[in-house]
Amino acid sequence: MPWTAYQVILRLHAPLHIGRGRVSYLQRARPYVTGRVLRGALVSRVGRNNPALRSNDPRDPYRCVSKTFAQYLTFTYFYPALEKKKEPGKWDVCFPWDNEACFRRRFLSSYTAAALEYPQQTAAEGLLYETEFIAPRALDNGQPVYLMGYIFVDEERLNRDKYDWKAAFRRLQLGGERGYGWGDVRLEEIRQHPGSGKLFGQICFDPNTKRPTVCLEKDQPVLAHTDAKAGALAGPVEPIVGREWRADNENKRKHVGQHLLFDGVRFAPGSIVLCEESKFTIEKGGYWQQQPPQEGAP
């Protein structure tokens, strides 16, 4: 089945926090947006925009939208980008592993606060915390920060009028601390990507497969969490654990975030390909799965 690729540019209008775990009192942030976070935000927004899609089951009102998107949409991770000064309308994507120190100085900041103890109005003991975030403007020169990524859509099977994913980008919040206004992004541009081009200007891809497929050469970095069983990568690995809303939770905890999903141990984005050429399929949640080598290949 052919997949249509779209390049999506979002402008960041508020701090963005995608949780990466806690160290002491610091809540670390990922320097990118995962496909799983993006899909969850789109599912929620599309379900709210079209009440007819919502289920009568209050335990899982967006199940229909979620299953449909899992089949007919998939995503790359989204990375910070800056608009080129001499070429308006074009962006330079910034990967955190290219120059980690420079990336942190330019994009990452933090907010420190302390929980209060009522009615004394004093700081509660041990509840000082610091939340890291991607800043909406570059910290070195004040340029607006954008997020660049790609969405693959099965146009033949997805009902565009019913599941209007493009309209969802016009009003979207990503990540944590949304109750404080964080994660506010606004659509800057959606452009259909030519099949002959490269993702992020670097990676070849094939949309004419069962799942979108990307092809990496030796020493190229993967741009998403990739199954650690492949063994043909070099880089840090981490367990992927997330909270989900599931009505069929075996422990009968049927509230938001009560289901813990373990997605295995995966290589982190930025891990390097060791083989001469490797192909990866983009799976649900934006994760990459390495394809086995073809017979006769070295």
Protein backbone atom coordinates (compact mmCIF):
# COMPACT_ATOMS: atom_id res chain seq x y z
CA MET A 1 0.00 0.00 0.00
CA PRO A 2 1.40 3.45 -0.82
CA TRP A 3 1.88 5.90 2.04
CA THR A 4 1.82 9.65 1.51
CA ALA A 5 4.54 11.53 3.40
CA TYR A 6 3.96 15.02 4.78
CA GLN A 7 6.53 17.35 6.26
CA VAL A 8 5.03 19.14 9.27
CA ILE A 9 6.44 22.29 10.86
CA LEU A 10 5.08 23.37 14.25
CA ARG A 11 5.99 26.58 16.01
CA LEU A 12 6.55 26.29 19.74
CA HIS A 13 4.69 28.99 21.70
CA ALA A 14 5.29 27.76 25.25
CA PRO A 15 7.82 25.61 27.12
CA LEU A 16 7.67 21.94 26.11
CA HIS A 17 8.33 19.13 28.57
CA ILE A 18 8.47 15.50 27.42
CA GLY A 19 9.38 13.49 30.50
CA ARG A 20 12.64 11.55 30.58
CA GLY A 21 12.83 10.51 34.21
CA ARG A 22 13.87 12.20 37.41
CA VAL A 23 17.34 12.77 38.84
CA SER A 24 17.24 14.11 42.40
CA TYR A 25 14.80 17.03 42.18
CA LEU A 26 15.29 17.56 38.43
CA GLN A 27 12.55 16.36 36.08
CA ARG A 28 14.54 15.82 32.90
CA ALA A 29 13.08 16.50 29.45
CA ARG A 30 13.65 14.73 26.17
CA PRO A 31 15.16 17.04 23.51
CA TYR A 32 12.59 15.85 20.96
CA VAL A 33 8.93 14.83 20.65
CA THR A 34 8.32 11.10 20.42
CA GLY A 35 5.84 9.66 17.93
CA ARG A 36 3.82 8.19 20.78
CA VAL A 37 3.34 11.62 22.39
CA LEU A 38 2.34 13.17 19.08
CA ARG A 39 -0.14 10.41 18.26
CA GLY A 40 -1.76 10.70 21.69
CA ALA A 41 -2.21 14.45 21.28
CA LEU A 42 -3.70 14.05 17.79
CA VAL A 43 -6.08 11.30 18.93
CA SER A 44 -7.34 13.48 21.77
CA ARG A 45 -7.79 16.56 19.57
CA VAL A 46 -9.51 14.73 16.69
CA GLY A 47 -11.87 13.07 19.17
CA ARG A 48 -12.74 16.43 20.67
CA ASN A 49 -13.19 18.10 17.30
CA ASN A 50 -15.62 15.39 16.17
CA PRO A 51 -17.86 14.22 19.07
CA ALA A 52 -19.41 11.55 16.81
CA LEU A 53 -16.11 9.62 17.02
CA ARG A 54 -16.18 9.37 20.80
CA SER A 55 -17.30 6.16 22.45
CA ASN A 56 -20.11 6.06 25.00
CA ASP A 57 -17.75 4.23 27.34
CA PRO A 58 -16.31 6.95 29.62
CA ARG A 59 -13.40 4.67 30.47
CA ASP A 60 -11.98 4.85 26.93
CA PRO A 61 -13.82 7.45 24.81
CA TYR A 62 -11.13 7.72 22.10
CA ARG A 63 -10.61 4.03 21.37
CA CYS A 64 -12.02 4.22 17.83
CA VAL A 65 -9.78 7.16 16.87
CA SER A 66 -6.74 5.55 18.47
CA LYS A 67 -7.16 2.25 16.61
CA THR A 68 -7.75 4.01 13.29
CA PHE A 69 -4.65 6.19 13.65
CA ALA A 70 -2.54 3.20 14.68
CA GLN A 71 -3.43 1.50 11.37
CA TYR A 72 -3.37 4.37 8.90
CA LEU A 73 -0.99 6.99 10.33
CA THR A 74 2.56 6.77 11.57
CA PHE A 75 5.08 9.39 12.61
CA THR A 76 8.73 10.21 12.84
CA TYR A 77 9.98 11.90 15.98
CA PHE A 78 9.89 15.71 15.86
CA TYR A 79 13.09 17.68 16.48
CA PRO A 80 13.78 21.38 17.18
CA ALA A 81 14.46 23.47 14.10
CA LEU A 82 15.30 27.09 13.31
CA GLU A 83 14.25 29.05 10.25
CA LYS A 84 17.07 29.92 7.89
CA LYS A 85 17.75 33.66 8.01
CA LYS A 86 18.66 33.90 4.33
CA GLU A 87 15.93 31.49 3.15
CA PRO A 88 12.58 32.26 4.79
CA GLY A 89 10.27 29.27 4.76
CA LYS A 90 13.13 26.78 5.10
CA TRP A 91 14.39 25.28 8.33
CA ASP A 92 17.57 23.78 9.76
CA VAL A 93 16.79 20.81 11.97
CA CYS A 94 18.96 20.48 15.11
CA PHE A 95 19.74 17.03 16.46
CA PRO A 96 20.91 16.86 20.10
CA TRP A 97 23.73 14.39 19.42
CA ASP A 98 25.46 16.54 16.78
CA ASN A 99 26.79 18.91 19.45
CA GLU A 100 25.18 18.18 22.80
CA ALA A 101 26.70 21.12 24.70
CA CYS A 102 25.67 23.63 22.02
CA PHE A 103 22.19 22.10 21.78
CA ARG A 104 21.63 22.40 25.51
CA ARG A 105 22.78 26.03 25.59
CA ARG A 106 20.50 26.90 22.69
CA PHE A 107 17.28 24.99 23.41
CA LEU A 108 17.07 23.63 26.97
CA SER A 109 16.19 25.57 30.07
CA SER A 110 14.45 24.78 33.36
CA TYR A 111 11.89 26.11 35.82
CA THR A 112 12.35 25.78 39.56
CA ALA A 113 9.49 25.81 42.06
CA ALA A 114 8.50 24.46 45.47
CA ALA A 115 5.22 22.95 46.58
CA LEU A 116 3.52 24.85 49.39
CA GLU A 117 2.13 23.47 52.62
CA TYR A 118 -1.28 24.86 53.54
CA PRO A 119 -2.49 26.66 55.61
CA GLN A 120 1.00 27.62 56.83
CA GLN A 121 1.92 28.96 53.37
CA THR A 122 5.41 27.53 53.72
CA ALA A 123 7.41 25.29 51.42
CA ALA A 124 6.65 21.64 52.02
CA GLU A 125 9.73 19.74 53.15
CA GLY A 126 11.52 17.91 50.35
CA LEU A 127 9.23 19.21 47.60
CA LEU A 128 11.59 21.56 45.79
CA TYR A 129 11.55 20.55 42.12
CA GLU A 130 12.99 21.69 38.82
CA THR A 131 11.40 20.97 35.45
CA GLU A 132 13.51 20.97 32.31
CA PHE A 133 11.96 22.07 29.01
CA ILE A 134 12.59 22.99 25.40
CA ALA A 135 12.36 26.78 25.25
CA PRO A 136 10.00 28.45 22.74
CA ARG A 137 12.83 30.78 21.68
CA ALA A 138 16.48 29.99 21.19
CA LEU A 139 18.39 31.00 24.30
CA ASP A 140 21.39 32.36 22.41
CA ASN A 141 19.77 34.61 19.79
CA GLY A 142 16.03 34.70 20.53
CA GLN A 143 14.93 33.02 17.29
CA PRO A 144 11.53 31.27 17.37
CA VAL A 145 11.88 27.52 17.87
CA TYR A 146 10.02 25.15 15.56
CA LEU A 147 9.49 21.40 15.60
CA MET A 148 10.08 19.47 12.37
CA GLY A 149 8.90 15.96 11.60
CA TYR A 150 7.05 13.76 9.12
CA ILE A 151 3.69 12.02 9.07
CA PHE A 152 2.91 9.05 6.82
CA VAL A 153 -0.73 8.60 5.88
CA ASP A 154 -2.53 5.75 4.13
CA GLU A 155 -4.71 8.06 2.04
CA GLU A 156 -6.63 5.23 0.40
CA ARG A 157 -8.02 3.85 3.66
CA LEU A 158 -8.21 6.83 6.00
CA ASN A 159 -11.45 8.82 5.79
CA ARG A 160 -10.07 12.37 5.68
CA ASP A 161 -13.43 14.06 6.30
CA LYS A 162 -14.12 11.94 9.37
CA TYR A 163 -10.57 11.85 10.77
CA ASP A 164 -9.29 15.32 9.94
CA TRP A 165 -5.78 15.08 11.38
CA LYS A 166 -4.62 18.25 9.62
CA ALA A 167 -7.22 20.37 11.44
CA ALA A 168 -6.04 18.90 14.75
CA PHE A 169 -2.66 20.60 14.34
CA ARG A 170 -4.29 24.03 14.50
CA ARG A 171 -4.92 23.62 18.21
CA LEU A 172 -2.57 21.20 19.92
CA GLN A 173 -0.75 20.74 23.21
CA LEU A 174 2.08 18.30 23.71
CA GLY A 175 3.81 16.79 26.70
CA GLY A 176 3.44 17.54 30.39
CA GLU A 177 2.40 20.55 32.46
CA ARG A 178 -0.40 21.32 29.99
CA GLY A 179 -2.57 22.63 32.80
CA TYR A 180 -0.07 25.48 33.15
CA GLY A 181 -0.19 26.26 29.43
CA TRP A 182 2.96 24.34 28.49
CA GLY A 183 3.30 22.44 25.24
CA ASP A 184 1.31 24.90 23.12
CA VAL A 185 2.23 24.45 19.44
CA ARG A 186 0.77 26.13 16.36
CA LEU A 187 0.84 24.79 12.84
CA GLU A 188 3.30 26.64 10.62
CA GLU A 189 3.24 24.43 7.54
CA ILE A 190 2.11 21.06 6.20
CA ARG A 191 3.69 20.15 2.89
CA GLN A 192 3.42 16.91 0.95
CA HIS A 193 6.87 15.43 0.70
CA PRO A 194 8.04 14.15 -2.69
CA GLY A 195 8.77 10.44 -2.70
CA SER A 196 12.16 11.08 -4.26
CA GLY A 197 13.36 13.37 -1.43
CA LYS A 198 14.99 12.54 1.88
CA LEU A 199 13.60 12.83 5.40
CA PHE A 200 15.31 15.70 7.23
CA GLY A 201 17.44 16.04 4.12
CA GLN A 202 19.42 12.94 5.16
CA ILE A 203 17.48 9.68 5.10
CA CYS A 204 16.06 7.85 2.09
CA PHE A 205 12.64 6.27 2.53
CA ASP A 206 10.24 3.99 0.68
CA PRO A 207 6.49 4.71 1.09
CA ASN A 208 5.40 1.79 -1.12
CA THR A 209 5.65 -0.91 1.53
CA LYS A 210 3.32 -2.36 4.15
CA ARG A 211 4.77 0.07 6.68
CA PRO A 212 6.89 3.12 5.74
CA THR A 213 10.53 2.06 5.42
CA VAL A 214 13.70 4.13 5.87
CA CYS A 215 17.16 3.18 4.65
CA LEU A 216 20.30 4.20 6.56
CA GLU A 217 23.92 3.91 5.56
CA LYS A 218 26.80 3.02 7.83
CA ASP A 219 27.48 5.56 10.63
CA GLN A 220 24.13 7.31 10.14
CA PRO A 221 22.13 7.81 13.35
CA VAL A 222 18.67 6.37 13.88
CA LEU A 223 16.08 9.08 14.57
CA ALA A 224 13.76 7.13 16.86
CA HIS A 225 13.86 4.44 19.52
CA THR A 226 14.88 1.23 17.78
CA ASP A 227 14.52 -2.38 18.89
CA ALA A 228 17.65 -3.37 20.81
CA LYS A 229 17.36 -6.98 19.63
CA ALA A 230 18.66 -5.92 16.23
CA GLY A 231 22.20 -5.69 17.57
CA ALA A 232 23.48 -3.81 14.52
CA LEU A 233 23.61 -0.42 16.28
CA ALA A 234 25.99 1.26 18.69
CA GLY A 235 24.63 3.64 21.31
CA PRO A 236 22.81 3.90 24.64
CA VAL A 237 19.81 1.69 25.35
CA GLU A 238 16.87 2.45 27.63
CA PRO A 239 13.64 0.76 28.70
CA ILE A 240 10.50 2.34 27.25
CA VAL A 241 7.71 2.57 29.81
CA GLY A 242 4.62 4.74 29.49
CA ARG A 243 1.20 5.24 31.02
CA GLU A 244 -1.96 4.63 29.02
CA TRP A 245 -5.71 4.87 29.37
CA ARG A 246 -7.13 1.37 28.97
CA ALA A 247 -10.61 0.19 29.84
CA ASP A 248 -9.51 -3.48 29.75
CA ASN A 249 -6.74 -3.15 32.31
CA GLU A 250 -6.30 -6.52 34.04
CA ASN A 251 -5.82 -4.85 37.42
CA LYS A 252 -9.19 -3.12 37.06
CA ARG A 253 -7.51 0.28 37.25
CA LYS A 254 -9.51 1.96 34.54
CA HIS A 255 -8.52 5.58 34.97
CA VAL A 256 -6.22 7.82 33.01
CA GLY A 257 -2.60 6.76 33.33
CA GLN A 258 -3.27 3.69 35.48
CA HIS A 259 -2.05 1.19 32.88
CA LEU A 260 1.73 0.85 32.64
CA LEU A 261 2.91 -0.23 29.21
CA PHE A 262 6.40 -1.70 28.80
CA ASP A 263 7.58 -1.38 25.20
CA GLY A 264 10.85 -3.21 25.64
CA VAL A 265 14.47 -2.08 25.70
CA ARG A 266 15.45 0.06 22.72
CA PHE A 267 18.39 1.95 21.34
CA ALA A 268 17.98 5.68 21.92
CA PRO A 269 17.78 8.16 19.02
CA GLY A 270 21.26 9.06 17.84
CA SER A 271 22.57 5.48 17.97
CA ILE A 272 24.84 4.70 15.04
CA VAL A 273 24.27 2.07 12.33
CA LEU A 274 27.16 -0.41 12.14
CA CYS A 275 26.28 -2.17 8.87
CA GLU A 276 26.89 -0.86 5.38
CA GLU A 277 23.17 -0.44 4.78
CA SER A 278 20.19 -1.11 7.03
CA LYS A 279 16.44 -0.82 6.50
CA PHE A 280 13.97 0.00 9.23
CA THR A 281 10.18 0.01 9.25
CA ILE A 282 8.39 2.76 11.18
CA GLU A 283 6.02 1.00 13.55
CA LYS A 284 3.20 2.22 15.79
CA GLY A 285 4.30 4.94 18.16
CA GLY A 286 7.05 6.00 15.76
CA TYR A 287 9.41 3.22 16.89
CA TRP A 288 11.81 1.76 14.33
CA GLN A 289 12.16 -1.96 13.68
CA GLN A 290 15.20 -3.18 11.78
CA GLN A 291 14.46 -5.49 8.88
CA PRO A 292 16.43 -8.74 8.65
CA PRO A 293 19.15 -8.71 5.98
CA GLN A 294 18.21 -10.16 2.62
CA GLU A 295 19.58 -13.55 1.64
CA GLY A 296 22.92 -13.26 -0.08
CA ALA A 297 23.65 -9.83 1.42
CA PRO A 298 27.08 -9.47 3.09
